[in-house]
Amino acid sequence: MHILVIGGTGTVGTQVVKELAARQARVTVLSRDAARTSTHPASVKIVEGNLLKAATVRTVFNKADAVFLLNGMSQTEATEGLMAISGMREAGVKRVVYMSVQDADKAAWLPHFGAKAGIEEAVRRSGIPFTILRPNNFFQNDYWYRDALLGANVYPQPIGDIGLSRVDVRDIAEMAAAALLTDDHSGRTYNVVGPAVETGASTAAAWGEALGRHITYVGNDLDAWEEQAQSTMPDWLLYDVRMMLDHFQKAGLRATADDVETQTRILGHAPRSFTAFTREVATAWMR
């Protein structure tokens, strides 16, 4: 089976490519910049292109049996997703696995969630056999906070006190591979989650235990967070992320027991824990 991976150079996509290659799938990655794909296995084919260009959309899907579709946060996220689905329909793609976000439809006023919810609907109406994966917040997002954790002993992401069922991207990759390589998940939508609810305070505590130091959670002040973050994000992204954080603080993003049970059955193992992740990363950082 020939699988085309869209979004194969980011945090999740890189792991999806790795997982598919390990299962001996024939993988092609679409990338705007081939230089970003240097870490992929040698067996993976790289194609340069852009989903905002008709020439790419009209050609890149032609030899693909299945597509993993991941559109990262951008001002053109929805357009890129819809262009891709239209291209798949024209090319006769036999299967698509779309990566959305947990509960996208329940907070569709958020720009990132709303883009995902709209693309989900297009996937469902496309006529292409599909699986939709809806991951929670990634453990691996915390790589961004290495300097704050090691240099200032603080955890700076204000995720709040209700909590998120955060997930390891390796579990997302395994779920994607299962959905791409078998017929068992057609028409299904799965939340992809971690085994426990993590709050800002519990996240800081887990990092503190792993690093062997006291880590302070900076708290839930979004004005202070925005002031700190504005030098590192464009204005549109800063607004979107702040609105998501506000939503997490007010509503959380929590899995159900059924979510965890279903994921465990598909993976063949329990979801990876945040505690195990922090210990693994702390060991690598301390080297």
Protein backbone atom coordinates (compact mmCIF):
# COMPACT_ATOMS: atom_id res chain seq x y z
CA MET A 1 0.00 0.00 0.00
CA HIS A 2 1.27 3.45 -0.94
CA ILE A 3 0.56 6.05 1.76
CA LEU A 4 0.95 9.79 1.28
CA VAL A 5 1.61 11.75 4.47
CA ILE A 6 0.58 15.41 4.52
CA GLY A 7 2.21 17.28 7.40
CA GLY A 8 5.02 14.77 7.70
CA THR A 9 7.72 17.10 9.02
CA GLY A 10 6.18 18.25 12.31
CA THR A 11 5.93 16.78 15.79
CA VAL A 12 3.21 14.27 14.95
CA GLY A 13 3.82 13.74 11.25
CA THR A 14 7.46 12.78 11.71
CA GLN A 15 6.41 10.08 14.16
CA VAL A 16 3.65 8.85 11.82
CA VAL A 17 6.18 8.44 9.02
CA LYS A 18 8.52 6.57 11.34
CA GLU A 19 5.73 4.24 12.48
CA LEU A 20 4.56 3.51 8.94
CA ALA A 21 8.09 2.84 7.72
CA ALA A 22 8.65 0.44 10.63
CA ARG A 23 5.56 -1.47 9.46
CA GLN A 24 7.04 -1.73 5.95
CA ALA A 25 4.53 0.61 4.30
CA ARG A 26 5.52 2.50 1.15
CA VAL A 27 5.51 6.13 2.27
CA THR A 28 5.69 9.45 0.44
CA VAL A 29 5.83 12.75 2.30
CA LEU A 30 4.58 16.01 0.81
CA SER A 31 6.71 18.91 2.04
CA ARG A 32 7.07 22.55 1.12
CA ASP A 33 10.77 22.23 1.93
CA ALA A 34 12.54 18.92 1.25
CA ALA A 35 15.41 19.96 3.54
CA ARG A 36 13.11 19.56 6.55
CA THR A 37 12.70 15.83 5.85
CA SER A 38 16.32 14.83 6.44
CA THR A 39 15.45 12.80 9.57
CA HIS A 40 13.07 10.45 7.75
CA PRO A 41 14.06 6.85 6.98
CA ALA A 42 15.89 6.38 3.68
CA SER A 43 12.97 4.37 2.28
CA VAL A 44 10.64 7.38 2.45
CA LYS A 45 10.09 9.33 -0.77
CA ILE A 46 9.92 13.13 -0.54
CA VAL A 47 7.82 15.26 -2.87
CA GLU A 48 7.94 19.05 -2.75
CA GLY A 49 4.66 20.89 -3.12
CA ASN A 50 2.10 23.19 -1.58
CA LEU A 51 -1.58 22.46 -0.97
CA LEU A 52 -2.40 26.07 -1.83
CA LYS A 53 -1.22 25.45 -5.41
CA ALA A 54 -3.54 23.75 -7.88
CA ALA A 55 -0.64 22.00 -9.62
CA THR A 56 0.23 20.19 -6.39
CA VAL A 57 -3.36 19.26 -5.57
CA ARG A 58 -3.95 17.90 -9.08
CA THR A 59 -0.92 15.60 -9.06
CA VAL A 60 0.29 14.63 -5.60
CA PHE A 61 -2.59 12.24 -4.80
CA ASN A 62 -2.56 10.33 -8.09
CA LYS A 63 -0.58 7.29 -6.95
CA ALA A 64 -1.67 7.24 -3.30
CA ASP A 65 -3.85 4.44 -1.96
CA ALA A 66 -4.29 6.16 1.40
CA VAL A 67 -3.55 9.60 2.84
CA PHE A 68 -2.71 10.81 6.33
CA LEU A 69 -3.91 14.42 6.40
CA LEU A 70 -2.51 16.78 9.02
CA ASN A 71 -2.92 20.53 8.50
CA GLY A 72 -0.94 22.52 11.03
CA MET A 73 -2.11 25.74 12.65
CA SER A 74 -1.96 28.52 10.09
CA GLN A 75 -4.12 31.25 8.60
CA THR A 76 -4.80 28.93 5.63
CA GLU A 77 -5.43 25.72 7.58
CA ALA A 78 -9.03 25.26 6.45
CA THR A 79 -8.27 26.03 2.81
CA GLU A 80 -5.37 23.57 2.71
CA GLY A 81 -7.54 20.84 4.20
CA LEU A 82 -10.38 21.39 1.74
CA MET A 83 -8.01 21.58 -1.22
CA ALA A 84 -6.51 18.27 -0.14
CA ILE A 85 -9.88 16.55 0.14
CA SER A 86 -10.90 17.82 -3.28
CA GLY A 87 -7.63 16.50 -4.74
CA MET A 88 -8.18 13.10 -3.11
CA ARG A 89 -11.67 12.86 -4.59
CA GLU A 90 -10.38 13.63 -8.07
CA ALA A 91 -7.56 11.10 -7.74
CA GLY A 92 -9.75 8.31 -6.37
CA VAL A 93 -7.90 7.89 -3.07
CA LYS A 94 -9.24 4.82 -1.26
CA ARG A 95 -8.72 5.88 2.36
CA VAL A 96 -8.01 9.02 4.38
CA VAL A 97 -7.06 9.40 8.03
CA TYR A 98 -7.59 12.99 9.16
CA MET A 99 -5.99 14.37 12.31
CA SER A 100 -8.31 16.81 14.03
CA VAL A 101 -8.46 17.81 17.71
CA GLN A 102 -10.55 16.45 20.57
CA ASP A 103 -14.00 18.06 20.82
CA ALA A 104 -13.35 20.32 17.82
CA ASP A 105 -17.08 20.75 17.21
CA LYS A 106 -17.79 21.72 20.82
CA ALA A 107 -15.58 24.82 20.63
CA ALA A 108 -15.77 25.60 16.92
CA TRP A 109 -15.61 29.36 17.55
CA LEU A 110 -11.91 28.91 18.27
CA PRO A 111 -10.09 29.45 14.94
CA HIS A 112 -7.99 26.27 15.16
CA PHE A 113 -10.88 24.11 16.41
CA GLY A 114 -13.28 25.61 13.87
CA ALA A 115 -10.94 24.86 10.97
CA LYS A 116 -10.71 21.25 12.16
CA ALA A 117 -14.48 20.93 12.60
CA GLY A 118 -15.12 22.17 9.07
CA ILE A 119 -12.55 19.84 7.53
CA GLU A 120 -14.02 16.94 9.53
CA GLU A 121 -17.41 17.59 7.94
CA ALA A 122 -15.85 17.74 4.48
CA VAL A 123 -14.08 14.43 5.13
CA ARG A 124 -17.35 12.80 6.17
CA ARG A 125 -19.15 14.06 3.06
CA SER A 126 -16.29 13.35 0.65
CA GLY A 127 -17.30 9.80 -0.18
CA ILE A 128 -13.80 8.60 0.69
CA PRO A 129 -13.57 5.89 3.38
CA PHE A 130 -12.24 7.76 6.40
CA THR A 131 -11.06 7.65 9.98
CA ILE A 132 -10.87 10.81 12.09
CA LEU A 133 -8.37 10.99 14.94
CA ARG A 134 -9.00 13.65 17.57
CA PRO A 135 -5.91 14.01 19.78
CA ASN A 136 -5.72 15.91 23.02
CA ASN A 137 -2.87 18.31 23.86
CA PHE A 138 0.54 16.72 23.16
CA PHE A 139 3.10 15.78 25.82
CA GLN A 140 5.77 16.77 23.32
CA ASN A 141 4.60 20.39 23.31
CA ASP A 142 6.58 20.65 26.53
CA TYR A 143 9.83 20.48 24.55
CA TRP A 144 9.19 24.20 23.97
CA TYR A 145 9.57 24.80 27.72
CA ARG A 146 12.97 23.23 28.26
CA ASP A 147 14.66 26.56 29.01
CA ALA A 148 11.94 27.60 31.45
CA LEU A 149 12.04 24.23 33.24
CA LEU A 150 15.82 23.92 33.42
CA GLY A 151 16.75 27.58 33.67
CA ALA A 152 13.98 29.13 35.76
CA ASN A 153 12.38 26.08 37.44
CA VAL A 154 8.91 27.05 36.19
CA TYR A 155 6.26 25.43 34.03
CA PRO A 156 4.87 28.31 31.95
CA GLN A 157 1.91 26.88 29.99
CA PRO A 158 -1.27 28.10 31.75
CA ILE A 159 -3.47 25.06 31.08
CA GLY A 160 -5.56 25.58 34.19
CA ASP A 161 -7.01 23.53 37.03
CA ILE A 162 -9.73 21.44 35.36
CA GLY A 163 -7.25 19.46 33.31
CA LEU A 164 -6.41 17.92 29.97
CA SER A 165 -6.06 14.25 29.03
CA ARG A 166 -2.73 14.98 27.36
CA VAL A 167 -1.34 12.42 24.91
CA ASP A 168 2.02 11.13 23.68
CA VAL A 169 2.42 11.67 19.92
CA ARG A 170 3.77 8.13 19.60
CA ASP A 171 0.31 6.87 20.51
CA ILE A 172 -1.19 9.13 17.84
CA ALA A 173 1.24 7.65 15.31
CA GLU A 174 0.31 4.10 16.25
CA MET A 175 -3.40 4.90 15.98
CA ALA A 176 -2.80 6.48 12.57
CA ALA A 177 -0.87 3.47 11.31
CA ALA A 178 -3.61 1.09 12.46
CA ALA A 179 -6.27 3.15 10.68
CA LEU A 180 -4.21 3.53 7.48
CA LEU A 181 -3.10 -0.08 7.12
CA THR A 182 -6.30 -1.98 8.00
CA ASP A 183 -9.97 -1.79 7.10
CA ASP A 184 -11.09 -2.05 10.71
CA HIS A 185 -11.59 1.66 11.43
CA SER A 186 -13.51 2.99 8.44
CA GLY A 187 -16.14 5.57 9.37
CA ARG A 188 -14.89 5.85 12.94
CA THR A 189 -13.91 8.90 14.95
CA TYR A 190 -11.55 8.36 17.88
CA ASN A 191 -10.37 10.63 20.65
CA VAL A 192 -6.65 9.98 21.17
CA VAL A 193 -5.73 10.66 24.77
CA GLY A 194 -3.50 9.97 27.71
CA PRO A 195 -4.49 7.75 30.65
CA ALA A 196 -4.77 10.55 33.23
CA VAL A 197 -5.98 14.12 33.54
CA GLU A 198 -3.15 16.64 33.92
CA THR A 199 -3.59 20.13 35.37
CA GLY A 200 -1.06 22.92 35.38
CA ALA A 201 -0.08 22.03 38.94
CA SER A 202 0.20 18.28 38.31
CA THR A 203 2.24 18.92 35.17
CA ALA A 204 4.71 21.05 37.13
CA ALA A 205 4.88 18.38 39.84
CA ALA A 206 5.62 15.63 37.30
CA TRP A 207 8.43 17.66 35.79
CA GLY A 208 9.77 18.43 39.27
CA GLU A 209 9.87 14.75 40.19
CA ALA A 210 11.53 13.81 36.91
CA LEU A 211 14.14 16.57 37.10
CA GLY A 212 14.80 16.25 40.80
CA ARG A 213 13.99 19.88 41.58
CA HIS A 214 11.03 22.03 42.59
CA ILE A 215 9.13 23.26 39.52
CA THR A 216 6.58 26.03 40.05
CA TYR A 217 3.44 26.31 37.96
CA VAL A 218 3.22 29.93 36.83
CA GLY A 219 -0.55 30.04 37.27
CA ASN A 220 -3.54 30.94 35.12
CA ASP A 221 -2.96 34.63 34.40
CA LEU A 222 -3.49 34.86 30.63
CA ASP A 223 -2.60 38.56 30.48
CA ALA A 224 0.82 37.75 31.91
CA TRP A 225 1.19 34.78 29.57
CA GLU A 226 0.33 36.92 26.53
CA GLU A 227 2.83 39.59 27.53
CA GLN A 228 5.55 36.94 27.75
CA ALA A 229 4.56 35.14 24.54
CA GLN A 230 3.97 38.08 22.22
CA SER A 231 7.63 38.28 21.20
CA THR A 232 7.60 34.67 19.97
CA MET A 233 4.27 34.46 18.09
CA PRO A 234 2.59 36.39 15.28
CA ASP A 235 -0.49 38.28 16.37
CA TRP A 236 -3.05 35.90 14.83
CA LEU A 237 -1.45 32.86 16.51
CA LEU A 238 -1.13 34.60 19.86
CA TYR A 239 -4.85 35.36 19.81
CA ASP A 240 -5.81 31.81 18.80
CA VAL A 241 -3.61 30.14 21.42
CA ARG A 242 -4.81 32.48 24.16
CA MET A 243 -8.43 31.67 23.32
CA MET A 244 -7.66 27.94 23.46
CA LEU A 245 -5.94 28.31 26.81
CA ASP A 246 -8.92 30.28 28.12
CA HIS A 247 -11.20 27.47 26.94
CA PHE A 248 -9.02 24.85 28.66
CA GLN A 249 -9.10 26.83 31.89
CA LYS A 250 -12.89 27.12 31.80
CA ALA A 251 -13.91 23.72 30.38
CA GLY A 252 -10.86 21.47 30.40
CA LEU A 253 -10.33 18.82 27.71
CA ARG A 254 -10.86 15.51 29.40
CA ALA A 255 -11.21 11.98 28.07
CA THR A 256 -13.78 9.40 29.11
CA ALA A 257 -13.08 5.90 30.36
CA ASP A 258 -14.47 4.63 27.04
CA ASP A 259 -11.91 6.73 25.15
CA VAL A 260 -9.06 5.13 27.07
CA GLU A 261 -10.51 1.62 26.76
CA THR A 262 -10.99 1.94 23.00
CA GLN A 263 -7.51 3.30 22.47
CA THR A 264 -5.97 0.57 24.62
CA ARG A 265 -7.72 -2.08 22.52
CA ILE A 266 -6.51 -0.59 19.22
CA LEU A 267 -2.94 0.02 20.39
CA GLY A 268 -2.60 -3.28 22.18
CA HIS A 269 -1.19 -1.42 25.18
CA ALA A 270 -2.29 1.27 27.61
CA PRO A 271 -1.76 4.88 26.54
CA ARG A 272 1.68 6.16 27.49
CA SER A 273 1.68 8.16 30.72
CA PHE A 274 2.88 11.70 31.23
CA THR A 275 5.02 10.58 34.17
CA ALA A 276 6.88 8.09 31.96
CA PHE A 277 7.33 10.78 29.31
CA THR A 278 8.79 13.32 31.73
CA ARG A 279 11.23 10.77 33.14
CA GLU A 280 12.36 9.77 29.66
CA VAL A 281 12.87 13.37 28.55
CA ALA A 282 14.49 14.46 31.80
CA THR A 283 17.05 11.67 31.44
CA ALA A 284 17.88 12.84 27.92
CA TRP A 285 18.07 16.51 28.95
CA MET A 286 20.33 15.81 31.92
CA ARG A 287 22.80 14.01 29.67
